[in-house]
Amino acid sequence: MQSSVTVTPDQLPELLLHVAVVRPVFLWGAPGIGKSSLVRTFAESLGLDCVTLLGTQLAPEDLIGVPQIVDDRSRFAPPEMIARPEPYCLFLDELNAASPEVQKSFYSLILDRRIGTYELPAGSVVIGAGNRATDNALARPMASALVNRMVHLHLRADVDDWLKWAATNDIHPWIIRYLTQRPDHLWSAPPKTEAPFSTPRGWHMLSDALHSCGDDIDDTTLQVLSAGTLTLGHSSGFRAFVKTIRHAYDLDAVIKGDASWPRDPADRDLLYFLSETMRARLIKELPGDRAHTSPAVQRFVLRVKSLLIELAEISVECAQLVIASDTDGVPLLPSWFLVEVSRDLPRLAARR
């Protein structure tokens, strides 16, 4: 299931507070963006225990329980983890990955809040979560009867929310600084093959590994760890960023003229990183209309043109990377800037 209407992690608790207490909610989102931890945190905020059931690990009898004979009649006894006397948060994780039979077993629990003769205590909340089929994750079609029993919210990864959380949750400072510069690297779409890809969860795992190894971690180990938790291109960019820290390279220093583009062939990964960072800076700071540029932006543009000439002398590929379009051929930078670059660079280069 896809939706153009999404919510951020910061927006989710307020929505759940008003919706989940009156109706079951299903939370959609890509793997690794924090769905489970957000639900557990929400339950804690209400003072409720969070009971998690994994749809992929259940059979129908795990929900309805086993039959017992009571007064010459059979009665199903639901499992102890569900049949609780006090209100709680029932979290149905990976619900849409469960078999159709298991999904059917949830119908009465989700809509009527009961299994057999057991009814969820007043004040309990029911929240489901799952990945989308487009994420190349294990997901089965959800029957329309089950879809119609819940309010559906679509969660997206948000770098500002994550960085705010990271600042108070012991995420390694290298990672915070890197994602501040490259917010587009927080998350990437799951690949079609079995390979690591960048998610908030992946960055958290890398942070734990970095804390364990220490800041004197060698580049080979850093390569192994980052490649094992991130998209390959993001891993390469992060390693180059760490090199900028260790060798006092910084894009701001290059722009100010306090440092130059790295020319050593051994630092080619660093050159690529700085080129990509330059492109990200331009995307962020250049207005869509030339008429809206301030004097400071105009001075910045002039400096960038000069730096592009210097960069092309070292690597034409890196210079092209700064102004390249996306994979669909759509320009990432404003058209007025691209026109100026194509017009002015030959003239500026002739003056050198």
Protein backbone atom coordinates (compact mmCIF):
# COMPACT_ATOMS: atom_id res chain seq x y z
CA MET A 1 0.00 0.00 0.00
CA GLN A 2 1.32 3.43 -0.98
CA SER A 3 0.07 6.88 -0.02
CA SER A 4 1.02 10.41 -0.96
CA VAL A 5 -0.07 11.51 2.52
CA THR A 6 2.61 10.63 5.06
CA VAL A 7 3.59 11.49 8.62
CA THR A 8 6.97 12.02 10.26
CA PRO A 9 8.12 10.33 13.49
CA ASP A 10 7.56 13.61 15.35
CA GLN A 11 3.97 13.85 14.12
CA LEU A 12 3.07 10.23 14.88
CA PRO A 13 2.67 10.28 18.72
CA GLU A 14 0.07 13.07 18.62
CA LEU A 15 -1.91 11.24 15.96
CA LEU A 16 -1.78 7.96 17.86
CA LEU A 17 -2.86 9.71 21.06
CA HIS A 18 -6.11 10.80 19.41
CA VAL A 19 -6.74 7.87 17.08
CA ALA A 20 -5.29 4.68 18.58
CA VAL A 21 -7.23 5.10 21.82
CA VAL A 22 -10.53 4.88 19.92
CA ARG A 23 -9.75 2.85 16.78
CA PRO A 24 -7.15 0.27 15.70
CA VAL A 25 -4.30 1.79 13.69
CA PHE A 26 -2.06 0.24 11.06
CA LEU A 27 1.34 1.83 10.54
CA TRP A 28 2.91 1.43 7.11
CA GLY A 29 6.55 2.17 6.35
CA ALA A 30 9.81 0.97 4.86
CA PRO A 31 12.05 -1.39 6.84
CA GLY A 32 14.34 0.15 9.42
CA ILE A 33 12.70 3.56 9.85
CA GLY A 34 11.65 2.97 13.48
CA LYS A 35 8.02 1.77 13.39
CA SER A 36 8.41 -0.72 16.24
CA SER A 37 10.37 1.57 18.54
CA LEU A 38 7.87 4.39 18.00
CA VAL A 39 4.98 2.13 19.00
CA ARG A 40 6.80 0.94 22.13
CA THR A 41 7.64 4.53 23.08
CA PHE A 42 4.00 5.53 22.56
CA ALA A 43 2.82 2.69 24.83
CA GLU A 44 5.29 3.78 27.50
CA SER A 45 3.98 7.35 27.30
CA LEU A 46 0.52 6.01 28.19
CA GLY A 47 1.88 3.85 30.99
CA LEU A 48 0.87 0.68 29.15
CA ASP A 49 2.77 -2.57 28.70
CA CYS A 50 3.47 -3.25 25.03
CA VAL A 51 2.74 -6.84 24.01
CA THR A 52 4.24 -7.58 20.60
CA LEU A 53 2.98 -10.37 18.35
CA LEU A 54 4.93 -11.08 15.16
CA GLY A 55 2.61 -12.06 12.35
CA THR A 56 5.29 -14.16 10.67
CA GLN A 57 5.71 -16.33 13.79
CA LEU A 58 2.06 -17.05 14.56
CA ALA A 59 -0.43 -19.77 13.76
CA PRO A 60 -4.21 -19.28 14.19
CA GLU A 61 -4.24 -21.40 17.34
CA ASP A 62 -1.65 -19.08 18.90
CA LEU A 63 -4.39 -16.45 19.02
CA ILE A 64 -7.62 -18.32 19.71
CA GLY A 65 -5.91 -20.66 22.16
CA VAL A 66 -6.76 -24.30 22.91
CA PRO A 67 -10.19 -25.71 23.76
CA GLN A 68 -11.08 -26.51 27.38
CA ILE A 69 -14.11 -28.33 28.79
CA VAL A 70 -16.06 -26.10 31.18
CA ASP A 71 -19.45 -27.35 32.46
CA ASP A 72 -19.58 -29.98 29.74
CA ARG A 73 -18.98 -27.36 27.09
CA SER A 74 -15.86 -26.53 25.12
CA ARG A 75 -14.37 -23.07 25.43
CA PHE A 76 -11.24 -21.68 23.84
CA ALA A 77 -8.73 -20.23 26.27
CA PRO A 78 -6.65 -17.44 24.66
CA PRO A 79 -2.95 -17.35 25.54
CA GLU A 80 -1.85 -15.65 28.76
CA MET A 81 0.16 -13.01 26.92
CA ILE A 82 -3.08 -11.73 25.33
CA ALA A 83 -5.67 -12.47 28.01
CA ARG A 84 -4.56 -9.86 30.54
CA PRO A 85 -6.71 -8.27 33.24
CA GLU A 86 -5.15 -4.80 32.90
CA PRO A 87 -5.22 -2.53 29.83
CA TYR A 88 -2.21 -2.78 27.52
CA CYS A 89 -0.96 -1.96 24.02
CA LEU A 90 -1.30 -4.89 21.64
CA PHE A 91 1.24 -4.41 18.86
CA LEU A 92 0.67 -6.63 15.84
CA ASP A 93 4.02 -6.32 14.08
CA GLU A 94 4.46 -7.64 10.53
CA LEU A 95 0.71 -8.24 10.43
CA ASN A 96 0.53 -8.04 6.66
CA ALA A 97 3.30 -10.67 6.42
CA ALA A 98 1.16 -13.22 8.25
CA SER A 99 -0.62 -16.00 6.42
CA PRO A 100 -4.23 -15.36 5.35
CA GLU A 101 -5.44 -17.74 8.09
CA VAL A 102 -3.61 -15.78 10.78
CA GLN A 103 -4.87 -12.49 9.38
CA LYS A 104 -8.44 -13.83 9.62
CA SER A 105 -7.82 -14.76 13.24
CA PHE A 106 -7.19 -11.11 13.99
CA TYR A 107 -10.51 -9.87 12.61
CA SER A 108 -12.52 -10.04 15.84
CA LEU A 109 -9.56 -8.93 17.94
CA ILE A 110 -9.04 -5.82 15.81
CA LEU A 111 -12.65 -4.82 15.23
CA ASP A 112 -14.51 -6.18 18.27
CA ARG A 113 -11.50 -6.21 20.63
CA ARG A 114 -12.25 -9.75 21.71
CA ILE A 115 -11.14 -13.35 21.21
CA GLY A 116 -13.83 -15.87 22.09
CA THR A 117 -15.20 -14.79 25.46
CA TYR A 118 -12.15 -12.68 26.33
CA GLU A 119 -12.45 -8.94 25.73
CA LEU A 120 -9.58 -6.46 25.82
CA PRO A 121 -9.75 -4.35 28.97
CA ALA A 122 -11.02 -0.80 28.59
CA GLY A 123 -8.13 1.55 27.84
CA SER A 124 -6.24 -0.98 25.71
CA VAL A 125 -4.98 0.05 22.27
CA VAL A 126 -4.38 -2.06 19.17
CA ILE A 127 -1.70 -1.04 16.67
CA GLY A 128 -0.52 -3.00 13.66
CA ALA A 129 2.53 -2.35 11.49
CA GLY A 130 4.08 -3.70 8.35
CA ASN A 131 6.29 -3.06 5.37
CA ARG A 132 5.05 -2.33 1.88
CA ALA A 133 5.30 -4.80 -0.98
CA THR A 134 7.28 -2.17 -2.91
CA ASP A 135 10.02 -2.36 -0.25
CA ASN A 136 10.98 -5.88 -1.41
CA ALA A 137 10.03 -7.04 2.09
CA LEU A 138 7.94 -10.04 3.07
CA ALA A 139 4.38 -8.78 2.64
CA ARG A 140 1.14 -10.43 1.65
CA PRO A 141 -1.98 -8.78 0.23
CA MET A 142 -4.24 -7.69 3.07
CA ALA A 143 -7.88 -8.61 2.67
CA SER A 144 -10.20 -5.65 2.20
CA ALA A 145 -12.18 -6.71 5.28
CA LEU A 146 -9.02 -6.36 7.38
CA VAL A 147 -7.93 -3.14 5.71
CA ASN A 148 -11.31 -1.60 6.46
CA ARG A 149 -11.03 -2.43 10.16
CA MET A 150 -8.12 -0.02 10.79
CA VAL A 151 -7.01 3.59 10.35
CA HIS A 152 -3.94 3.59 8.09
CA LEU A 153 -0.96 5.90 8.67
CA HIS A 154 2.07 6.02 6.40
CA LEU A 155 5.36 6.79 8.14
CA ARG A 156 8.33 8.31 6.33
CA ALA A 157 11.90 8.75 7.49
CA ASP A 158 12.62 12.37 8.37
CA VAL A 159 16.21 13.47 8.82
CA ASP A 160 15.41 16.45 11.07
CA ASP A 161 13.41 14.26 13.44
CA TRP A 162 16.12 11.61 13.43
CA LEU A 163 18.98 14.03 14.06
CA LYS A 164 17.06 15.55 16.96
CA TRP A 165 16.60 12.07 18.40
CA ALA A 166 20.22 11.13 17.68
CA ALA A 167 21.54 14.10 19.64
CA THR A 168 20.11 12.69 22.87
CA ASN A 169 20.58 8.97 22.21
CA ASP A 170 24.37 8.60 22.01
CA ILE A 171 24.60 8.35 18.23
CA HIS A 172 28.24 8.70 17.21
CA PRO A 173 29.13 12.35 16.41
CA TRP A 174 30.69 11.37 13.07
CA ILE A 175 27.30 10.07 11.94
CA ILE A 176 25.42 13.15 13.18
CA ARG A 177 27.86 15.47 11.38
CA TYR A 178 27.76 13.42 8.19
CA LEU A 179 23.96 13.26 7.98
CA THR A 180 23.74 16.96 8.77
CA GLN A 181 25.74 17.52 5.57
CA ARG A 182 24.14 14.68 3.60
CA PRO A 183 20.55 14.38 4.85
CA ASP A 184 19.67 12.52 1.67
CA HIS A 185 21.77 9.58 2.90
CA LEU A 186 19.63 8.78 5.95
CA TRP A 187 17.49 6.36 3.97
CA SER A 188 17.61 4.65 0.61
CA ALA A 189 15.09 2.42 -1.12
CA PRO A 190 15.62 -1.31 -0.48
CA PRO A 191 17.53 -2.93 -3.35
CA LYS A 192 16.14 -5.77 -5.40
CA THR A 193 19.03 -8.00 -4.31
CA GLU A 194 20.18 -9.15 -0.88
CA ALA A 195 22.41 -6.22 0.04
CA PRO A 196 22.61 -3.76 2.96
CA PHE A 197 20.88 -0.44 2.47
CA SER A 198 20.78 2.79 4.47
CA THR A 199 18.07 3.23 7.08
CA PRO A 200 17.89 4.92 10.48
CA ARG A 201 18.32 1.44 11.95
CA GLY A 202 21.43 0.84 9.83
CA TRP A 203 23.01 4.12 10.94
CA HIS A 204 22.21 3.24 14.56
CA MET A 205 23.93 -0.14 14.16
CA LEU A 206 26.98 1.54 12.63
CA SER A 207 27.03 4.03 15.50
CA ASP A 208 27.09 1.20 18.05
CA ALA A 209 29.96 -0.45 16.17
CA LEU A 210 31.93 2.81 16.03
CA HIS A 211 31.51 3.36 19.76
CA SER A 212 32.76 -0.17 20.34
CA CYS A 213 35.80 0.19 18.05
CA GLY A 214 36.77 3.71 19.11
CA ASP A 215 37.74 6.74 17.02
CA ASP A 216 41.10 5.22 16.13
CA ILE A 217 39.33 2.63 13.98
CA ASP A 218 41.39 1.84 10.87
CA ASP A 219 39.99 2.47 7.40
CA THR A 220 39.76 -1.24 6.52
CA THR A 221 37.56 -1.96 9.53
CA LEU A 222 35.51 1.16 8.86
CA GLN A 223 34.97 -0.02 5.30
CA VAL A 224 33.81 -3.45 6.46
CA LEU A 225 31.39 -2.03 9.03
CA SER A 226 29.93 0.74 6.89
CA ALA A 227 29.53 -1.55 3.87
CA GLY A 228 27.76 -4.03 6.13
CA THR A 229 25.15 -1.54 7.32
CA LEU A 230 24.68 1.05 4.55
CA THR A 231 24.06 1.44 0.86
CA LEU A 232 27.41 1.03 -0.89
CA GLY A 233 27.56 4.62 -2.16
CA HIS A 234 26.66 5.98 1.27
CA SER A 235 29.32 3.78 2.84
CA SER A 236 31.94 5.22 0.50
CA GLY A 237 30.75 8.77 1.23
CA PHE A 238 30.86 8.23 4.98
CA ARG A 239 34.40 6.81 4.85
CA ALA A 240 35.51 9.83 2.81
CA PHE A 241 33.88 12.11 5.36
CA VAL A 242 35.82 10.45 8.17
CA LYS A 243 38.95 11.08 6.13
CA THR A 244 38.08 14.80 5.96
CA ILE A 245 37.93 14.84 9.75
CA ARG A 246 41.27 13.10 10.10
CA HIS A 247 43.04 15.19 7.45
CA ALA A 248 41.38 18.52 8.25
CA TYR A 249 39.63 18.69 4.86
CA ASP A 250 36.38 20.59 4.84
CA LEU A 251 34.18 21.93 2.05
CA ASP A 252 33.78 25.26 3.85
CA ALA A 253 37.57 25.58 3.97
CA VAL A 254 37.74 24.88 0.22
CA ILE A 255 35.07 27.48 -0.51
CA LYS A 256 36.82 30.08 1.67
CA GLY A 257 40.16 29.32 0.02
CA ASP A 258 41.74 28.00 3.21
CA ALA A 259 42.17 24.57 1.57
CA SER A 260 42.26 23.27 -1.99
CA TRP A 261 40.70 20.29 -3.71
CA PRO A 262 42.69 17.14 -2.83
CA ARG A 263 44.94 16.19 -5.75
CA ASP A 264 46.55 12.99 -4.48
CA PRO A 265 45.21 9.94 -6.39
CA ALA A 266 44.97 8.16 -3.03
CA ASP A 267 42.40 10.76 -1.99
CA ARG A 268 40.10 10.25 -4.95
CA ASP A 269 37.30 9.03 -2.65
CA LEU A 270 37.69 12.26 -0.70
CA LEU A 271 37.45 14.29 -3.91
CA TYR A 272 34.21 12.49 -4.83
CA PHE A 273 32.80 13.15 -1.37
CA LEU A 274 33.59 16.87 -1.53
CA SER A 275 32.09 17.06 -5.03
CA GLU A 276 28.88 15.41 -3.89
CA THR A 277 28.77 17.66 -0.84
CA MET A 278 29.20 20.69 -3.09
CA ARG A 279 26.25 19.56 -5.19
CA ALA A 280 24.13 19.04 -2.04
CA ARG A 281 25.10 22.52 -0.85
CA LEU A 282 24.07 24.06 -4.16
CA ILE A 283 20.74 22.20 -4.17
CA LYS A 284 20.02 23.50 -0.69
CA GLU A 285 21.17 27.12 -1.05
CA LEU A 286 20.42 28.18 -4.63
CA PRO A 287 16.93 29.67 -5.19
CA GLY A 288 14.87 28.50 -8.12
CA ASP A 289 14.74 31.99 -9.61
CA ARG A 290 17.87 34.06 -10.36
CA ALA A 291 15.98 37.21 -9.35
CA HIS A 292 15.76 35.93 -5.77
CA THR A 293 19.51 35.63 -5.23
CA SER A 294 20.98 37.83 -2.52
CA PRO A 295 24.40 39.51 -2.87
CA ALA A 296 25.85 36.79 -0.62
CA VAL A 297 24.47 34.04 -2.86
CA GLN A 298 25.81 35.83 -5.94
CA ARG A 299 29.30 35.90 -4.41
CA PHE A 300 28.93 32.24 -3.52
CA VAL A 301 27.95 31.37 -7.12
CA LEU A 302 30.98 33.23 -8.47
CA ARG A 303 33.26 31.29 -6.11
CA VAL A 304 31.63 28.00 -7.11
CA LYS A 305 32.32 28.68 -10.79
CA SER A 306 35.99 29.22 -10.04
CA LEU A 307 36.10 26.04 -7.93
CA LEU A 308 34.47 24.05 -10.74
CA ILE A 309 37.30 25.05 -13.07
CA GLU A 310 39.87 23.94 -10.50
CA LEU A 311 37.99 20.71 -9.93
CA ALA A 312 37.81 19.96 -13.68
CA GLU A 313 41.59 20.32 -13.90
CA ILE A 314 41.88 17.47 -11.39
CA SER A 315 38.89 15.36 -12.46
CA VAL A 316 36.40 16.20 -15.18
CA GLU A 317 34.20 13.41 -13.82
CA CYS A 318 33.98 15.05 -10.40
CA ALA A 319 33.26 18.45 -11.92
CA GLN A 320 30.44 16.92 -13.96
CA LEU A 321 29.16 15.21 -10.81
CA VAL A 322 28.53 18.60 -9.18
CA ILE A 323 26.13 19.71 -11.93
CA ALA A 324 24.81 16.28 -12.98
CA SER A 325 21.10 15.50 -13.34
CA ASP A 326 19.41 12.70 -11.40
CA THR A 327 19.11 9.13 -12.68
CA ASP A 328 15.98 10.08 -14.66
CA GLY A 329 17.77 12.95 -16.39
CA VAL A 330 16.00 15.65 -14.39
CA PRO A 331 18.29 18.58 -13.46
CA LEU A 332 18.93 18.86 -9.73
CA LEU A 333 20.19 22.45 -9.87
CA PRO A 334 18.26 25.58 -10.96
CA SER A 335 18.27 26.14 -14.72
CA TRP A 336 19.61 29.70 -14.38
CA PHE A 337 22.70 28.39 -12.58
CA LEU A 338 23.32 25.69 -15.19
CA VAL A 339 23.01 28.29 -17.96
CA GLU A 340 25.53 30.55 -16.22
CA VAL A 341 27.97 27.68 -15.72
CA SER A 342 27.85 26.67 -19.39
CA ARG A 343 28.23 30.32 -20.43
CA ASP A 344 30.89 31.53 -17.98
CA LEU A 345 33.18 28.58 -17.35
CA PRO A 346 35.00 28.71 -20.72
CA ARG A 347 35.56 32.47 -20.27
CA LEU A 348 36.77 32.10 -16.68
CA ALA A 349 39.04 29.21 -17.63
CA ALA A 350 40.64 31.32 -20.39
CA ARG A 351 41.70 33.91 -17.82
CA ARG A 352 43.67 31.39 -15.79
